């Protein structure tokens, strides 16, 4: 079993097995992640095929809204917010093929993201909240098991990568092995109906 970086071209070839959607390689957030980190996510290869994927983007999706002309939004505050955004990554999608659920592949993807992003000076991994779990809004139980904490004021799930990589018992060695297993970047879903069902999808 190997964990690999995902390029924008590779991500475009993948379809979520649950919602059936693929992400075009020229999608704004895909190209933004590609430019920032050299890849836009991670994937797990098993039995000769790609069985799980995690898509990521810099958390700048709401920057335009925040930076709209406003007397309360001075240039200095915008620059400070931009700097914070550059240290945050957001999960845009995560899924595991139905034939490979309950093998810990979803958690392995999160661990790979923690290790890989921390090396790119990203400090926080964010997951969006949703009424119904989907590949874009992972189940709450899965996020909790991976160490995410719910932040009511922001209406988002947050994982502190500094704490994850350096503080948890056993995590440094485990994450180091995941980083070592990552293959270098090569040059260049129907929505689940219940959280219980979607939880199995990314476990």
Protein backbone atom coordinates (compact mmCIF):
# COMPACT_ATOMS: atom_id res chain seq x y z
CA UNK A 1 0.00 0.00 0.00
CA UNK A 2 1.40 3.37 -0.99
CA UNK A 3 0.45 6.97 -0.32
CA UNK A 4 1.06 9.43 -3.15
CA UNK A 5 0.76 13.13 -3.86
CA UNK A 6 -2.04 14.07 -6.27
CA UNK A 7 -1.42 16.54 -9.08
CA UNK A 8 -4.22 18.53 -10.68
CA UNK A 9 -4.12 16.29 -13.77
CA UNK A 10 -4.32 13.12 -11.68
CA UNK A 11 -7.14 14.52 -9.56
CA UNK A 12 -9.14 15.31 -12.69
CA UNK A 13 -9.06 11.61 -13.63
CA UNK A 14 -10.66 10.56 -10.36
CA UNK A 15 -14.39 10.41 -9.69
CA UNK A 16 -15.85 10.18 -6.24
CA UNK A 17 -17.49 6.73 -6.12
CA UNK A 18 -20.42 8.17 -4.15
CA UNK A 19 -21.36 11.45 -5.83
CA UNK A 20 -19.79 10.63 -9.20
CA UNK A 21 -18.14 14.03 -9.50
CA UNK A 22 -14.69 14.73 -10.90
CA UNK A 23 -12.80 18.00 -10.51
CA UNK A 24 -11.51 19.66 -13.70
CA UNK A 25 -7.76 20.29 -13.60
CA UNK A 26 -8.26 24.00 -14.24
CA UNK A 27 -10.62 24.53 -11.29
CA UNK A 28 -9.45 27.60 -9.36
CA UNK A 29 -8.89 25.90 -6.01
CA UNK A 30 -7.11 22.97 -7.66
CA UNK A 31 -4.64 25.20 -9.48
CA UNK A 32 -4.18 27.31 -6.34
CA UNK A 33 -3.21 24.23 -4.33
CA UNK A 34 -0.97 23.00 -7.12
CA UNK A 35 0.90 26.32 -7.20
CA UNK A 36 1.19 26.56 -3.42
CA UNK A 37 2.26 23.01 -2.60
CA UNK A 38 3.13 21.26 -5.86
CA UNK A 39 0.07 19.02 -5.48
CA UNK A 40 -3.61 19.33 -4.59
CA UNK A 41 -4.01 16.32 -2.34
CA UNK A 42 -3.07 12.76 -1.53
CA UNK A 43 -4.16 9.30 -2.62
CA UNK A 44 -3.79 5.72 -1.45
CA UNK A 45 -2.87 3.05 -4.00
CA UNK A 46 -3.70 -0.56 -3.19
CA UNK A 47 -3.94 -3.71 -5.29
CA UNK A 48 -2.66 -1.81 -8.29
CA UNK A 49 -5.29 0.92 -8.26
CA UNK A 50 -6.21 4.19 -6.59
CA UNK A 51 -8.68 3.39 -3.81
CA UNK A 52 -8.81 6.56 -1.70
CA UNK A 53 -8.28 10.26 -2.25
CA UNK A 54 -8.08 13.51 -0.31
CA UNK A 55 -8.34 16.85 -2.13
CA UNK A 56 -7.02 20.01 -0.51
CA UNK A 57 -6.84 23.73 -1.19
CA UNK A 58 -5.41 26.78 0.55
CA UNK A 59 -8.13 28.27 2.71
CA UNK A 60 -8.60 31.37 0.57
CA UNK A 61 -12.08 30.50 -0.71
CA UNK A 62 -13.78 33.31 1.15
CA UNK A 63 -10.98 35.85 0.78
CA UNK A 64 -12.74 37.86 -1.90
CA UNK A 65 -15.76 38.27 0.34
CA UNK A 66 -13.64 39.33 3.28
CA UNK A 67 -11.63 41.75 1.17
CA UNK A 68 -14.60 43.52 -0.38
CA UNK A 69 -14.44 47.31 0.19
CA UNK A 70 -15.66 47.96 3.68
CA UNK A 71 -14.87 50.60 6.26
CA UNK A 72 -14.32 47.84 8.81
CA UNK A 73 -11.85 45.99 6.58
CA UNK A 74 -8.71 48.11 6.53
CA UNK A 75 -5.69 47.12 4.37
CA UNK A 76 -3.61 46.12 7.40
CA UNK A 77 -6.30 43.78 8.68
CA UNK A 78 -6.74 42.26 5.21
CA UNK A 79 -3.01 41.58 4.94
CA UNK A 80 -3.00 39.93 8.35
CA UNK A 81 -5.97 37.75 7.36
CA UNK A 82 -4.28 36.82 4.07
CA UNK A 83 -1.21 35.68 5.99
CA UNK A 84 -3.38 33.52 8.26
CA UNK A 85 -5.15 32.00 5.26
CA UNK A 86 -1.83 30.97 3.75
CA UNK A 87 -1.20 28.88 6.86
CA UNK A 88 -4.54 27.07 6.57
CA UNK A 89 -5.62 24.29 4.24
CA UNK A 90 -9.18 23.14 3.70
CA UNK A 91 -10.49 19.69 2.80
CA UNK A 92 -12.34 19.90 -0.51
CA UNK A 93 -13.11 16.21 -0.75
CA UNK A 94 -12.23 12.85 0.80
CA UNK A 95 -13.41 9.36 -0.12
CA UNK A 96 -12.51 5.68 0.09
CA UNK A 97 -13.67 3.10 -2.42
CA UNK A 98 -16.50 0.98 -1.03
CA UNK A 99 -14.47 -2.20 -1.39
CA UNK A 100 -11.78 -0.79 0.92
CA UNK A 101 -13.69 0.91 3.72
CA UNK A 102 -12.97 0.18 7.39
CA UNK A 103 -9.25 -0.27 6.74
CA UNK A 104 -8.14 3.05 8.15
CA UNK A 105 -7.45 4.56 4.73
CA UNK A 106 -9.36 7.76 5.46
CA UNK A 107 -7.30 8.36 8.58
CA UNK A 108 -4.13 7.53 6.67
CA UNK A 109 -4.97 10.28 4.18
CA UNK A 110 -5.44 12.80 6.99
CA UNK A 111 -2.13 11.75 8.53
CA UNK A 112 -0.38 12.15 5.18
CA UNK A 113 -1.92 15.61 4.81
CA UNK A 114 -0.78 16.60 8.30
CA UNK A 115 2.80 15.57 7.59
CA UNK A 116 2.95 16.92 4.05
CA UNK A 117 1.30 20.26 4.79
CA UNK A 118 3.32 20.86 7.94
CA UNK A 119 6.41 20.67 5.76
CA UNK A 120 4.89 23.46 3.64
CA UNK A 121 4.40 25.75 6.65
CA UNK A 122 0.67 25.07 6.87
CA UNK A 123 -0.43 25.15 10.49
CA UNK A 124 -4.15 24.33 10.39
CA UNK A 125 -6.28 21.83 8.45
CA UNK A 126 -9.93 22.81 8.16
CA UNK A 127 -13.02 20.75 7.32
CA UNK A 128 -16.35 22.31 6.43
CA UNK A 129 -19.51 21.54 8.33
CA UNK A 130 -22.55 20.13 6.59
CA UNK A 131 -26.03 19.05 7.59
CA UNK A 132 -25.52 15.84 5.65
CA UNK A 133 -22.11 14.13 5.40
CA UNK A 134 -20.68 14.08 1.88
CA UNK A 135 -17.24 13.71 0.36
CA UNK A 136 -16.87 17.50 0.77
CA UNK A 137 -18.19 17.57 4.36
CA UNK A 138 -16.85 14.49 6.18
CA UNK A 139 -18.78 12.91 9.06
CA UNK A 140 -18.34 14.44 12.49
CA UNK A 141 -17.35 11.12 14.06
CA UNK A 142 -14.58 10.57 11.54
CA UNK A 143 -13.24 14.10 12.06
CA UNK A 144 -13.24 13.68 15.84
CA UNK A 145 -11.35 10.39 15.59
CA UNK A 146 -8.73 12.17 13.47
CA UNK A 147 -8.30 14.89 16.09
CA UNK A 148 -10.39 17.71 14.62
CA UNK A 149 -12.10 20.09 17.03
CA UNK A 150 -15.39 21.88 16.33
CA UNK A 151 -15.14 25.69 16.43
CA UNK A 152 -18.71 27.03 16.78
CA UNK A 153 -17.74 30.65 16.13
CA UNK A 154 -16.33 29.74 12.72
CA UNK A 155 -18.72 26.87 12.01
CA UNK A 156 -15.85 24.63 10.98
CA UNK A 157 -13.75 21.69 12.14
CA UNK A 158 -10.10 22.51 12.84
CA UNK A 159 -7.01 20.35 13.24
CA UNK A 160 -3.88 21.98 14.70
CA UNK A 161 -1.02 20.49 12.69
CA UNK A 162 1.66 21.64 15.12
CA UNK A 163 0.01 19.70 17.92
CA UNK A 164 -0.79 16.74 15.68
CA UNK A 165 2.72 16.31 14.34
CA UNK A 166 4.73 17.06 17.47
CA UNK A 167 2.64 16.35 20.56
CA UNK A 168 0.67 13.15 20.17
CA UNK A 169 2.31 10.05 21.55
CA UNK A 170 3.69 7.94 18.72
CA UNK A 171 2.63 10.39 16.04
CA UNK A 172 6.07 11.74 15.05
CA UNK A 173 7.40 8.32 14.08
CA UNK A 174 4.18 7.32 12.36
CA UNK A 175 3.97 10.54 10.37
CA UNK A 176 7.65 10.30 9.45
CA UNK A 177 7.01 6.87 7.96
CA UNK A 178 4.05 8.23 6.00
CA UNK A 179 6.15 11.11 4.65
CA UNK A 180 8.89 8.67 3.68
CA UNK A 181 6.35 6.56 1.80
CA UNK A 182 4.97 9.46 -0.23
CA UNK A 183 5.88 9.21 -3.88
CA UNK A 184 7.17 12.49 -5.35
CA UNK A 185 4.91 14.58 -7.54
CA UNK A 186 5.37 13.58 -11.15
CA UNK A 187 6.11 16.38 -13.61
CA UNK A 188 3.97 17.95 -15.44
CA UNK A 189 -20.20 11.13 -5.38
CA UNK A 190 -24.48 9.92 -5.05
CA UNK A 191 -24.35 11.75 -1.67
CA UNK A 192 -24.45 9.44 1.38
CA UNK A 193 -27.85 9.47 3.08
CA UNK A 194 -26.74 9.02 6.67
CA UNK A 195 -23.69 9.90 8.72
CA UNK A 196 -23.33 6.27 9.70
CA UNK A 197 -23.05 5.20 6.07
CA UNK A 198 -20.67 8.03 5.13
CA UNK A 199 -18.56 7.32 8.20
CA UNK A 200 -17.79 3.92 6.74
CA UNK A 201 -16.81 5.59 3.47
CA UNK A 202 -13.81 7.42 4.90
CA UNK A 203 -12.82 5.16 7.77
